[in-house]
Amino acid sequence: MSLLIVRCPLKPLTGSIASTPQDWQDLSCAEQFEWALCEKPTEGVITAVDDLVQTATGLGTTASLPYAEEALILMPTLDVRLIKTKVPLANAKKLQQVLPTLIEEHLLGGVESIAVQALPLIPGEPALVRTLAVVDRTWFAWLTKQLEGLLCQRVRLIPDCLVLDLSTIVYTQLDHYVSFTQRTGPQTGVAWVENGVAGQVVLPQRLVGMQTLECSWEVLIRGAKYFLSENTSSRSANFALNLLPITFKQHNPKTGIRKRLLGQVLRQDTSDARPGMSWLDPLIWRQVVRWATYCVGTIAIGFVLHLSWLFVDVWRWNQQMEVLAAQALSPAAIATLSRGQAVPLVGNDSSSVALKGGAILPAFVKQVTQEQRRQGLVTDADFVSMTAKLQQLKTALGIETLVSVNYDGYGIDFECEPTQVKRDVVQTARSLGFWAKSLGVNRYRLESYAGLGVGS
């Protein structure tokens, strides 16, 4: 793992008033990016961000900065104002529209020249309380454009006050001015400029007693490592804090590939998770849960489609059986069936018959049985065959005696004692390959030719 910490140049306090990003380029601001590279030691195993050691520092443009897996960009708090206020609950698009109206009372000028964005919610605080970051629109556009040249997999922009302790004030000498930076809360901080030289400026009475340190790489690197270690969990206050806009794109001049980076770290996939994150963190499992949901949904949809296809296939099979049986019915059987059902025949001739009530298959079975009996053949509907089936069913059900048995030449109707029936008769018969149907309370009919679905 390698970490690149970059200090953005301070917006010029004096000089020409810039109206376009090109104006800042003319002031040589692009060559004032300070950086420090932290990498793992040559020996040993790195287990945390704190194990990174400083290997190099420098000053120059973003295009000249070394490659790193992650870049933490520190924006001077003098150039960004952090305002804690109440923000209405709304989606990201509507919230961006109402943010300028929420900060009008905190500004001396208009809102046309500033860019404002809401920082992520702090766990444990009311949802209406948010921290707003206000930056000069022109300066922010130029700064974002410069950061596109970084050779880093992940780029994160934060105010530099967030890497400080709450009890520490950091100062920097700027020609005839001294700038001071102080962190005041989890997502808030202040910065101001005093005339004079470092060591001679008198701090306000309320700040007397606080530790005052000169801004140096030792202080910034220690604070940056602590900031990253403290916010490795998605439940942390500043885990998703990133001032870069969603439209930020990073350009890699070596490969010529432009890839879209997400504006918020919370939107990154598992591949962008930090090494120090806990396995209990929801972000670690976000992509896994997402793909698991897709798989379960796909399986469920496939199961429903397969089940629907089975229903349709069974229905088609039944219809085909009805048609084939109707084509094989004799004229006598058709006439008998028509009189018994009192239903008009449908079809052009006796070979294509469609009758209501599902009576075709029983009529076909009776016709085939009668023909086989006339030829002296043994059929499945004979008394011996049917009684043998009934005996097997009794044995499977554990029934010793039957109340009544009635054989009509094509099936057997029987009645059981209520106290003797311990299992489902229909399901038990089906498991034996027989077809039984209920005729009422404890009364059943055992059909012949069960494989044809007679009586269904």
Protein backbone atom coordinates (compact mmCIF):
# COMPACT_ATOMS: atom_id res chain seq x y z
CA MET A 1 0.00 0.00 0.00
CA SER A 2 1.18 3.54 -0.78
CA LEU A 3 -0.33 6.81 0.35
CA LEU A 4 0.24 10.19 -1.30
CA ILE A 5 -0.57 13.22 0.85
CA VAL A 6 -0.93 16.44 -1.14
CA ARG A 7 -1.25 20.01 0.17
CA CYS A 8 -3.15 22.20 -2.24
CA PRO A 9 -1.86 25.73 -2.79
CA LEU A 10 -3.59 28.51 -0.94
CA LYS A 11 -5.81 30.74 -2.99
CA PRO A 12 -3.90 34.03 -3.45
CA LEU A 13 -4.97 36.51 -0.79
CA THR A 14 -3.94 39.51 -2.86
CA GLY A 15 -3.57 40.23 -6.53
CA SER A 16 -5.93 40.09 -9.45
CA ILE A 17 -9.45 38.81 -8.96
CA ALA A 18 -9.77 35.64 -11.00
CA SER A 19 -12.87 35.04 -13.04
CA THR A 20 -11.76 31.93 -14.94
CA PRO A 21 -9.54 28.93 -14.08
CA GLN A 22 -6.94 30.24 -16.55
CA ASP A 23 -6.31 33.22 -14.26
CA TRP A 24 -5.04 30.92 -11.52
CA GLN A 25 -2.76 29.22 -14.04
CA ASP A 26 -1.15 32.56 -14.84
CA LEU A 27 -0.32 33.05 -11.14
CA SER A 28 1.80 29.83 -11.16
CA CYS A 29 -0.50 28.18 -8.63
CA ALA A 30 -0.30 24.91 -10.56
CA GLU A 31 3.36 24.50 -9.55
CA GLN A 32 2.72 24.88 -5.80
CA PHE A 33 1.29 21.46 -4.90
CA GLU A 34 3.31 20.08 -1.98
CA TRP A 35 3.38 16.33 -1.56
CA ALA A 36 4.69 13.56 0.65
CA LEU A 37 4.76 9.87 -0.30
CA CYS A 38 4.30 7.22 2.38
CA GLU A 39 4.97 3.56 1.58
CA LYS A 40 5.37 0.29 3.42
CA PRO A 41 8.89 -0.61 4.57
CA THR A 42 11.02 -2.95 2.50
CA GLU A 43 10.86 -5.61 5.21
CA GLY A 44 8.03 -6.66 7.42
CA VAL A 45 4.30 -6.94 6.92
CA ILE A 46 2.11 -3.84 6.89
CA THR A 47 -1.00 -4.27 9.07
CA ALA A 48 -2.34 -0.72 9.32
CA VAL A 49 -2.08 2.75 7.85
CA ASP A 50 0.16 3.74 10.76
CA ASP A 51 2.82 1.32 9.49
CA LEU A 52 3.42 3.51 6.40
CA VAL A 53 6.62 5.52 6.54
CA GLN A 54 7.50 8.71 4.71
CA THR A 55 9.78 8.04 1.76
CA ALA A 56 9.82 11.25 -0.31
CA THR A 57 8.55 14.83 -0.45
CA GLY A 58 8.43 17.44 -3.16
CA LEU A 59 6.79 20.43 -4.79
CA GLY A 60 5.39 20.77 -8.28
CA THR A 61 2.41 20.18 -10.54
CA THR A 62 0.00 17.31 -10.12
CA ALA A 63 1.27 15.74 -13.34
CA SER A 64 4.74 15.39 -11.78
CA LEU A 65 3.53 13.68 -8.60
CA PRO A 66 4.48 10.00 -8.08
CA TYR A 67 2.06 7.08 -8.35
CA ALA A 68 0.22 5.89 -5.23
CA GLU A 69 -2.66 3.56 -4.51
CA GLU A 70 -4.47 6.27 -2.57
CA ALA A 71 -4.18 10.05 -2.53
CA LEU A 72 -5.37 12.22 0.36
CA ILE A 73 -5.66 15.81 -0.80
CA LEU A 74 -5.61 18.48 1.92
CA MET A 75 -7.43 21.67 0.96
CA PRO A 76 -6.56 24.72 3.10
CA THR A 77 -9.39 25.52 5.48
CA LEU A 78 -8.91 29.18 4.52
CA ASP A 79 -10.39 28.30 1.12
CA VAL A 80 -13.36 26.29 2.38
CA ARG A 81 -15.94 27.39 4.90
CA LEU A 82 -17.62 24.69 6.97
CA ILE A 83 -21.09 25.66 8.19
CA LYS A 84 -23.15 23.44 10.49
CA THR A 85 -26.85 24.07 10.00
CA LYS A 86 -30.23 22.40 9.59
CA VAL A 87 -30.89 20.92 6.17
CA PRO A 88 -34.27 19.54 5.03
CA LEU A 89 -34.59 15.87 4.18
CA ALA A 90 -34.56 15.53 0.39
CA ASN A 91 -32.91 13.49 -2.35
CA ALA A 92 -29.52 14.51 -3.72
CA LYS A 93 -30.91 16.38 -6.73
CA LYS A 94 -33.41 18.49 -4.78
CA LEU A 95 -30.92 19.06 -1.97
CA GLN A 96 -28.39 20.53 -4.38
CA GLN A 97 -31.03 22.99 -5.55
CA VAL A 98 -31.93 24.27 -2.09
CA LEU A 99 -28.43 24.39 -0.60
CA PRO A 100 -27.58 27.90 -1.92
CA THR A 101 -30.68 29.36 -0.25
CA LEU A 102 -29.68 27.82 3.11
CA ILE A 103 -26.33 29.64 3.28
CA GLU A 104 -27.37 33.10 2.07
CA GLU A 105 -27.53 34.42 5.62
CA HIS A 106 -23.97 33.20 6.28
CA LEU A 107 -22.44 35.03 3.28
CA LEU A 108 -21.61 38.65 2.66
CA GLY A 109 -21.92 38.32 -1.11
CA GLY A 110 -24.18 36.43 -3.46
CA VAL A 111 -24.39 32.70 -3.96
CA GLU A 112 -23.61 32.82 -7.68
CA SER A 113 -19.85 32.72 -7.18
CA ILE A 114 -19.70 29.87 -4.68
CA ALA A 115 -20.02 26.08 -4.82
CA VAL A 116 -21.71 24.36 -1.90
CA GLN A 117 -22.16 20.71 -1.00
CA ALA A 118 -23.46 18.82 2.01
CA LEU A 119 -21.07 16.55 3.86
CA PRO A 120 -22.23 13.03 4.84
CA LEU A 121 -24.41 12.50 7.88
CA ILE A 122 -22.66 11.91 11.18
CA PRO A 123 -23.87 8.69 12.87
CA GLY A 124 -25.74 9.44 16.06
CA GLU A 125 -26.64 13.03 15.18
CA PRO A 126 -30.08 14.25 13.99
CA ALA A 127 -30.69 13.75 10.28
CA LEU A 128 -31.58 17.42 9.85
CA VAL A 129 -28.18 18.62 11.11
CA ARG A 130 -25.60 18.64 8.31
CA THR A 131 -22.27 20.33 7.65
CA LEU A 132 -22.09 22.41 4.46
CA ALA A 133 -18.81 23.09 2.66
CA VAL A 134 -18.68 26.41 0.80
CA VAL A 135 -15.88 27.05 -1.74
CA ASP A 136 -15.22 29.67 -4.37
CA ARG A 137 -16.68 28.21 -7.56
CA THR A 138 -13.89 29.34 -9.90
CA TRP A 139 -11.09 28.25 -7.59
CA PHE A 140 -12.75 24.90 -6.93
CA ALA A 141 -13.19 24.23 -10.67
CA TRP A 142 -9.52 24.99 -11.30
CA LEU A 143 -8.41 22.84 -8.36
CA THR A 144 -10.54 19.90 -9.49
CA LYS A 145 -9.10 20.18 -12.99
CA GLN A 146 -5.56 20.03 -11.61
CA LEU A 147 -6.29 16.92 -9.52
CA GLU A 148 -7.41 14.99 -12.61
CA GLY A 149 -3.74 14.47 -13.50
CA LEU A 150 -2.95 12.40 -10.38
CA LEU A 151 -1.74 8.83 -10.94
CA CYS A 152 -3.74 7.31 -8.08
CA GLN A 153 -6.41 4.66 -7.83
CA ARG A 154 -8.40 6.59 -5.23
CA VAL A 155 -8.44 10.34 -4.75
CA ARG A 156 -10.00 11.99 -1.72
CA LEU A 157 -10.24 15.72 -1.01
CA ILE A 158 -10.83 16.97 2.55
CA PRO A 159 -10.26 20.21 4.48
CA ASP A 160 -6.86 20.15 6.18
CA CYS A 161 -8.40 21.02 9.57
CA LEU A 162 -9.83 17.48 9.81
CA VAL A 163 -6.37 15.94 10.26
CA LEU A 164 -5.74 18.05 13.38
CA ASP A 165 -6.53 17.37 17.01
CA LEU A 166 -9.27 19.36 18.70
CA SER A 167 -6.72 20.74 21.17
CA THR A 168 -4.17 21.85 18.57
CA ILE A 169 -3.79 25.02 16.50
CA VAL A 170 -1.49 24.91 13.47
CA TYR A 171 0.02 28.06 11.97
CA THR A 172 1.85 28.83 8.72
CA GLN A 173 3.92 31.88 7.90
CA LEU A 174 2.76 33.59 4.66
CA ASP A 175 5.05 36.55 3.84
CA HIS A 176 3.75 39.26 6.16
CA TYR A 177 0.80 37.18 7.35
CA VAL A 178 0.31 34.18 9.61
CA SER A 179 -2.54 31.76 8.93
CA PHE A 180 -4.04 29.72 11.77
CA THR A 181 -6.10 26.54 11.44
CA GLN A 182 -8.17 24.90 14.17
CA ARG A 183 -10.49 21.91 14.22
CA THR A 184 -13.71 22.57 16.13
CA GLY A 185 -15.72 19.37 15.60
CA PRO A 186 -15.99 16.08 13.73
CA GLN A 187 -16.63 17.89 10.41
CA THR A 188 -16.01 21.53 11.27
CA GLY A 189 -13.00 23.79 11.56
CA VAL A 190 -11.96 27.41 11.22
CA ALA A 191 -8.99 29.25 9.73
CA TRP A 192 -8.00 32.90 9.85
CA VAL A 193 -5.12 35.21 8.96
CA GLU A 194 -3.30 37.62 11.25
CA ASN A 195 -0.83 40.38 10.36
CA GLY A 196 2.66 39.91 11.71
CA VAL A 197 5.31 37.26 12.12
CA ALA A 198 4.99 33.85 13.74
CA GLY A 199 5.78 34.03 17.45
CA GLN A 200 4.68 37.63 17.73
CA VAL A 201 0.98 37.22 17.02
CA VAL A 202 -1.20 37.21 20.12
CA LEU A 203 -3.99 34.68 20.00
CA PRO A 204 -7.49 35.45 21.29
CA GLN A 205 -8.04 34.97 25.02
CA ARG A 206 -10.28 31.91 24.52
CA LEU A 207 -7.47 30.12 22.64
CA VAL A 208 -4.79 30.73 25.25
CA GLY A 209 -3.55 27.42 26.63
CA MET A 210 -4.09 25.43 23.47
CA GLN A 211 -1.12 23.71 21.85
CA THR A 212 0.26 25.72 18.94
CA LEU A 213 2.36 23.95 16.34
CA GLU A 214 3.95 25.02 13.11
CA CYS A 215 2.49 23.29 10.07
CA SER A 216 4.96 20.65 8.95
CA TRP A 217 4.91 17.30 7.21
CA GLU A 218 5.44 15.55 10.52
CA VAL A 219 2.22 17.05 11.88
CA LEU A 220 0.23 16.54 8.67
CA ILE A 221 1.38 12.98 8.04
CA ARG A 222 0.65 11.93 11.61
CA GLY A 223 -2.77 13.56 11.43
CA ALA A 224 -3.53 12.07 8.00
CA LYS A 225 -2.68 8.55 9.18
CA TYR A 226 -4.86 8.99 12.24
CA PHE A 227 -7.71 10.34 10.08
CA LEU A 228 -7.58 7.32 7.75
CA SER A 229 -7.28 4.83 10.61
CA GLU A 230 -10.17 6.45 12.47
CA ASN A 231 -12.47 6.32 9.45
CA THR A 232 -11.93 2.79 8.13
CA SER A 233 -15.48 1.78 9.06
CA SER A 234 -18.57 2.94 7.18
CA ARG A 235 -20.06 3.76 10.58
CA SER A 236 -17.39 6.43 11.14
CA ALA A 237 -18.25 10.11 10.92
CA ASN A 238 -15.98 10.94 7.97
CA PHE A 239 -15.77 7.63 6.15
CA ALA A 240 -17.71 9.00 3.15
CA LEU A 241 -16.38 12.55 3.31
CA ASN A 242 -14.97 13.67 -0.03
CA LEU A 243 -15.23 17.20 -1.43
CA LEU A 244 -14.59 16.06 -5.01
CA PRO A 245 -17.73 16.32 -7.15
CA ILE A 246 -19.46 13.26 -8.58
CA THR A 247 -18.43 14.38 -12.06
CA PHE A 248 -14.74 14.22 -11.14
CA LYS A 249 -12.76 12.19 -13.70
CA GLN A 250 -9.21 11.06 -13.30
CA HIS A 251 -6.98 10.91 -16.38
CA ASN A 252 -4.12 8.47 -16.56
CA PRO A 253 -1.66 9.74 -19.19
CA LYS A 254 0.23 6.41 -19.28
CA THR A 255 -2.73 4.36 -20.45
CA GLY A 256 -4.88 7.06 -21.98
CA ILE A 257 -7.89 5.71 -20.10
CA ARG A 258 -10.37 8.00 -18.44
CA LYS A 259 -12.26 6.34 -15.65
CA ARG A 260 -15.06 7.83 -13.65
CA LEU A 261 -14.34 8.13 -9.95
CA LEU A 262 -17.21 8.34 -7.51
CA GLY A 263 -17.56 11.57 -5.61
CA GLN A 264 -18.28 9.85 -2.32
CA VAL A 265 -16.17 7.04 -0.86
CA LEU A 266 -19.37 5.38 0.36
CA ARG A 267 -20.30 4.61 -3.25
CA GLN A 268 -17.15 2.62 -3.90
CA ASP A 269 -17.27 -1.17 -4.32
CA THR A 270 -15.55 -3.71 -2.12
CA SER A 271 -12.39 -3.38 -4.21
CA ASP A 272 -12.02 0.19 -2.92
CA ALA A 273 -12.45 -0.74 0.73
CA ARG A 274 -9.55 0.05 3.01
CA PRO A 275 -7.28 -2.75 4.26
CA GLY A 276 -8.02 -1.88 7.89
CA MET A 277 -11.77 -2.30 7.58
CA SER A 278 -13.45 -4.85 9.83
CA TRP A 279 -15.14 -7.91 8.37
CA LEU A 280 -18.25 -6.82 10.27
CA ASP A 281 -18.42 -3.58 8.32
CA PRO A 282 -21.48 -3.50 5.99
CA LEU A 283 -19.41 -2.06 3.13
CA ILE A 284 -17.25 -5.18 2.97
CA TRP A 285 -20.31 -7.31 2.20
CA ARG A 286 -22.15 -4.80 0.02
CA GLN A 287 -21.05 -6.26 -3.31
CA VAL A 288 -21.40 -9.84 -2.04
CA VAL A 289 -24.95 -9.18 -0.85
CA ARG A 290 -25.76 -7.45 -4.14
CA TRP A 291 -24.64 -10.43 -6.23
CA ALA A 292 -26.28 -12.87 -3.83
CA THR A 293 -29.53 -10.95 -4.27
CA TYR A 294 -29.15 -11.15 -8.04
CA CYS A 295 -28.51 -14.92 -7.84
CA VAL A 296 -31.46 -15.59 -5.53
CA GLY A 297 -33.70 -13.43 -7.71
CA THR A 298 -32.55 -15.22 -10.85
CA ILE A 299 -33.15 -18.63 -9.27
CA ALA A 300 -36.61 -17.57 -8.05
CA ILE A 301 -37.57 -16.22 -11.48
CA GLY A 302 -36.22 -19.36 -13.16
CA PHE A 303 -38.18 -21.56 -10.75
CA VAL A 304 -41.41 -19.65 -11.42
CA LEU A 305 -40.86 -19.86 -15.19
CA HIS A 306 -40.07 -23.58 -15.01
CA LEU A 307 -43.15 -24.23 -12.85
CA SER A 308 -45.31 -22.25 -15.26
CA TRP A 309 -43.91 -24.23 -18.18
CA LEU A 310 -44.73 -27.50 -16.36
CA PHE A 311 -48.34 -26.39 -15.82
CA VAL A 312 -48.66 -25.46 -19.48
CA ASP A 313 -47.01 -28.70 -20.58
CA VAL A 314 -49.34 -30.80 -18.40
CA TRP A 315 -52.34 -28.90 -19.75
CA ARG A 316 -51.15 -29.48 -23.33
CA TRP A 317 -50.58 -33.18 -22.59
CA ASN A 318 -54.13 -33.51 -21.20
CA GLN A 319 -55.56 -31.73 -24.22
CA GLN A 320 -53.59 -33.98 -26.55
CA MET A 321 -54.81 -37.06 -24.70
CA GLU A 322 -58.41 -35.81 -24.99
CA VAL A 323 -58.03 -35.26 -28.75
CA LEU A 324 -56.42 -38.66 -29.37
CA ALA A 325 -59.04 -40.41 -27.27
CA ALA A 326 -61.87 -38.56 -29.02
CA GLN A 327 -60.54 -39.61 -32.43
CA ALA A 328 -60.58 -43.27 -31.32
CA LEU A 329 -64.14 -43.28 -29.93
CA SER A 330 -66.68 -45.41 -31.80
CA PRO A 331 -69.98 -43.88 -33.01
CA ALA A 332 -71.85 -45.92 -30.40
CA ALA A 333 -69.63 -44.64 -27.61
CA ILE A 334 -70.06 -41.08 -28.84
CA ALA A 335 -73.84 -41.45 -28.93
CA THR A 336 -73.90 -42.97 -25.45
CA LEU A 337 -71.57 -40.29 -24.10
CA SER A 338 -73.65 -37.53 -25.68
CA ARG A 339 -76.87 -38.84 -24.15
CA GLY A 340 -75.29 -39.35 -20.75
CA GLN A 341 -73.71 -35.88 -20.63
CA ALA A 342 -76.59 -34.07 -22.36
CA VAL A 343 -73.97 -31.91 -24.06
CA PRO A 344 -73.98 -31.22 -27.85
CA LEU A 345 -71.03 -32.56 -29.80
CA VAL A 346 -68.56 -30.13 -31.26
CA GLY A 347 -66.70 -31.03 -34.45
CA ASN A 348 -67.10 -31.69 -38.14
CA ASP A 349 -67.36 -35.49 -37.80
CA SER A 350 -67.33 -38.29 -35.27
CA SER A 351 -63.53 -38.53 -35.37
CA SER A 352 -63.05 -35.01 -33.94
CA VAL A 353 -65.08 -34.70 -30.78
CA ALA A 354 -64.82 -32.20 -27.97
CA LEU A 355 -67.08 -32.70 -24.97
CA LYS A 356 -67.33 -30.73 -21.80
CA GLY A 357 -66.89 -32.18 -18.36
CA GLY A 358 -63.76 -34.30 -19.01
CA ALA A 359 -65.82 -37.38 -20.01
CA ILE A 360 -63.83 -38.42 -23.07
CA LEU A 361 -61.10 -40.39 -21.32
CA PRO A 362 -63.52 -42.42 -19.12
CA ALA A 363 -65.57 -43.25 -22.23
CA PHE A 364 -62.43 -44.28 -24.09
CA VAL A 365 -61.31 -46.51 -21.20
CA LYS A 366 -64.72 -48.20 -21.08
CA GLN A 367 -64.65 -48.73 -24.84
CA VAL A 368 -61.17 -50.31 -24.79
CA THR A 369 -62.07 -52.44 -21.78
CA GLN A 370 -65.22 -53.74 -23.45
CA GLU A 371 -63.34 -54.61 -26.66
CA GLN A 372 -60.64 -56.49 -24.72
CA ARG A 373 -63.26 -58.42 -22.77
CA ARG A 374 -65.07 -59.40 -25.97
CA GLN A 375 -61.76 -60.80 -27.20
CA GLY A 376 -61.33 -62.78 -23.96
CA LEU A 377 -58.29 -60.77 -22.82
CA VAL A 378 -57.40 -59.93 -19.22
CA THR A 379 -57.79 -56.20 -18.45
CA ASP A 380 -56.69 -53.96 -15.68
CA ALA A 381 -60.35 -53.32 -14.79
CA ASP A 382 -61.19 -56.98 -14.10
CA PHE A 383 -62.38 -57.93 -10.65
CA VAL A 384 -59.26 -59.94 -9.83
CA SER A 385 -56.93 -57.08 -10.80
CA MET A 386 -58.98 -54.48 -8.94
CA THR A 387 -59.24 -56.57 -5.75
CA ALA A 388 -55.49 -57.15 -5.84
CA LYS A 389 -54.93 -53.38 -6.01
CA LEU A 390 -57.40 -52.83 -3.17
CA GLN A 391 -55.57 -55.38 -1.03
CA GLN A 392 -52.24 -53.62 -1.62
CA LEU A 393 -53.81 -50.30 -0.72
CA LYS A 394 -55.30 -51.76 2.49
CA THR A 395 -51.92 -53.12 3.51
CA ALA A 396 -50.21 -49.78 2.88
CA LEU A 397 -52.89 -47.93 4.87
CA GLY A 398 -52.87 -50.44 7.71
CA ILE A 399 -56.63 -51.07 7.44
CA GLU A 400 -57.85 -54.50 8.58
CA THR A 401 -61.49 -54.40 7.39
CA LEU A 402 -63.64 -52.29 5.08
CA VAL A 403 -67.20 -51.20 5.79
CA SER A 404 -68.37 -51.78 2.21
CA VAL A 405 -66.99 -52.70 -1.23
CA ASN A 406 -68.81 -52.17 -4.55
CA TYR A 407 -67.37 -53.27 -7.91
CA ASP A 408 -69.11 -51.91 -11.08
CA GLY A 409 -66.90 -53.49 -13.73
CA TYR A 410 -64.54 -50.52 -14.12
CA GLY A 411 -63.62 -49.58 -10.57
CA ILE A 412 -64.21 -50.34 -6.89
CA ASP A 413 -66.00 -48.07 -4.42
CA PHE A 414 -65.09 -48.75 -0.80
CA GLU A 415 -65.72 -47.24 2.61
CA CYS A 416 -63.34 -47.28 5.59
CA GLU A 417 -63.84 -47.08 9.32
CA PRO A 418 -63.04 -43.50 10.48
CA THR A 419 -60.84 -44.77 13.31
CA GLN A 420 -58.74 -46.95 11.01
CA VAL A 421 -57.71 -44.29 8.49
CA LYS A 422 -54.32 -43.03 9.69
CA ARG A 423 -52.89 -41.84 6.38
CA ASP A 424 -54.10 -39.93 3.36
CA VAL A 425 -55.77 -42.52 1.13
CA VAL A 426 -55.40 -40.57 -2.12
CA GLN A 427 -51.70 -39.82 -1.60
CA THR A 428 -50.97 -43.40 -0.50
CA ALA A 429 -52.66 -44.78 -3.60
CA ARG A 430 -50.70 -42.40 -5.79
CA SER A 431 -47.44 -43.56 -4.22
CA LEU A 432 -48.39 -47.16 -5.19
CA GLY A 433 -49.17 -46.19 -8.78
CA PHE A 434 -52.96 -46.39 -8.31
CA TRP A 435 -55.62 -43.76 -8.85
CA ALA A 436 -58.06 -43.13 -5.99
CA LYS A 437 -60.46 -40.26 -5.50
CA SER A 438 -62.62 -39.22 -2.59
CA LEU A 439 -66.40 -39.70 -2.82
CA GLY A 440 -67.20 -38.16 0.55
CA VAL A 441 -66.46 -38.83 4.20
CA ASN A 442 -64.33 -42.00 4.40
CA ARG A 443 -65.64 -43.14 0.98
CA TYR A 444 -63.28 -43.59 -1.97
CA ARG A 445 -63.18 -44.99 -5.51
CA LEU A 446 -60.23 -46.94 -6.89
CA GLU A 447 -60.01 -46.51 -10.67
CA SER A 448 -58.39 -48.74 -13.29
CA TYR A 449 -55.77 -47.47 -15.76
CA ALA A 450 -54.45 -44.91 -13.29
CA GLY A 451 -51.73 -43.80 -15.68
CA LEU A 452 -54.30 -42.19 -17.99
CA GLY A 453 -55.60 -39.91 -15.27
CA VAL A 454 -59.11 -41.37 -15.40
CA GLY A 455 -61.39 -39.69 -12.93
CA SER A 456 -59.21 -36.59 -12.58
